């Protein structure tokens, strides 16, 4: 839910899923793809087991990774799993 809230707040989510169980990885990707789709955003694989889920205010370039708009100023590191 934290990741969906970040997307709803117009923050991009970069998910490094390296080392995560294949079943859980699929569930996370499916969930974030759904949220991103509903918001009108975009999803792109940017590395081995690394994906970016971006709201519509982000411009993702396939050649350059992603570009943040100048109005973006917040940075947050959201933990996927709480201990």
Protein backbone atom coordinates (compact mmCIF):
# COMPACT_ATOMS: atom_id res chain seq x y z
CA UNK A 1 0.00 0.00 0.00
CA UNK A 2 2.90 2.40 0.68
CA UNK A 3 4.10 2.00 -2.89
CA UNK A 4 0.62 2.64 -4.30
CA UNK A 5 0.32 5.73 -2.09
CA UNK A 6 3.65 7.00 -3.43
CA UNK A 7 2.39 6.65 -7.01
CA UNK A 8 -0.89 8.37 -6.09
CA UNK A 9 1.20 11.23 -4.64
CA UNK A 10 2.86 11.56 -8.07
CA UNK A 11 6.15 10.02 -6.95
CA UNK A 12 7.88 7.43 -9.12
CA UNK A 13 8.65 4.05 -7.58
CA UNK A 14 11.86 2.25 -8.48
CA UNK A 15 11.67 -1.39 -7.46
CA UNK A 16 14.87 -3.44 -7.18
CA UNK A 17 13.53 -6.98 -7.04
CA UNK A 18 16.87 -8.77 -7.21
CA UNK A 19 16.91 -11.70 -4.82
CA UNK A 20 13.14 -11.57 -4.24
CA UNK A 21 11.22 -14.84 -4.61
CA UNK A 22 9.82 -15.26 -8.15
CA UNK A 23 6.21 -15.61 -6.94
CA UNK A 24 6.44 -12.48 -4.78
CA UNK A 25 8.18 -10.58 -7.58
CA UNK A 26 5.30 -11.39 -9.95
CA UNK A 27 2.73 -10.25 -7.37
CA UNK A 28 4.57 -6.96 -6.73
CA UNK A 29 4.93 -6.24 -10.44
CA UNK A 30 1.28 -7.09 -11.15
CA UNK A 31 0.09 -4.86 -8.30
CA UNK A 32 2.28 -1.89 -9.25
CA UNK A 33 1.43 -2.30 -12.95
CA UNK A 34 -2.25 -2.11 -12.05
CA UNK A 35 -1.85 1.01 -9.94
CA UNK A 36 0.33 2.64 -12.59
CA UNK A 37 -2.19 1.81 -15.34
CA UNK A 38 -5.15 3.22 -13.39
CA UNK A 39 -3.23 6.46 -12.79
CA UNK A 40 -2.31 6.76 -16.47
CA UNK A 41 1.39 6.27 -15.79
CA UNK A 42 4.11 4.21 -17.39
CA UNK A 43 6.21 1.18 -16.45
CA UNK A 44 9.65 0.32 -17.75
CA UNK A 45 12.37 -2.18 -16.94
CA UNK A 46 15.57 -0.18 -16.33
CA UNK A 47 17.95 -2.92 -15.25
CA UNK A 48 18.23 -6.56 -14.27
CA UNK A 49 15.34 -7.07 -11.83
CA UNK A 50 14.88 -3.27 -11.56
CA UNK A 51 11.72 -1.53 -12.75
CA UNK A 52 10.39 2.00 -12.62
CA UNK A 53 6.69 2.67 -12.13
CA UNK A 54 6.02 6.30 -12.97
CA UNK A 55 2.93 8.47 -12.60
CA UNK A 56 1.84 10.58 -15.58
CA UNK A 57 3.94 13.59 -14.47
CA UNK A 58 7.16 11.67 -15.22
CA UNK A 59 8.67 11.38 -18.70
CA UNK A 60 10.40 8.04 -19.11
CA UNK A 61 12.87 7.87 -21.97
CA UNK A 62 13.79 4.41 -23.24
CA UNK A 63 17.31 5.60 -24.04
CA UNK A 64 18.05 7.70 -20.97
CA UNK A 65 16.27 5.86 -18.17
CA UNK A 66 13.97 8.55 -16.81
CA UNK A 67 13.82 12.32 -16.51
CA UNK A 68 12.29 14.04 -13.52
CA UNK A 69 10.34 17.24 -14.10
CA UNK A 70 11.86 20.35 -12.55
CA UNK A 71 8.94 20.71 -10.15
CA UNK A 72 9.77 17.38 -8.50
CA UNK A 73 11.55 18.01 -5.23
CA UNK A 74 10.64 15.24 -2.80
CA UNK A 75 12.71 12.13 -2.34
CA UNK A 76 11.47 9.22 -0.28
CA UNK A 77 12.80 5.78 0.37
CA UNK A 78 9.86 3.53 1.16
CA UNK A 79 10.58 0.17 2.70
CA UNK A 80 8.69 -2.58 0.95
CA UNK A 81 8.68 -4.81 3.99
CA UNK A 82 8.41 -3.58 7.56
CA UNK A 83 10.38 -5.42 10.20
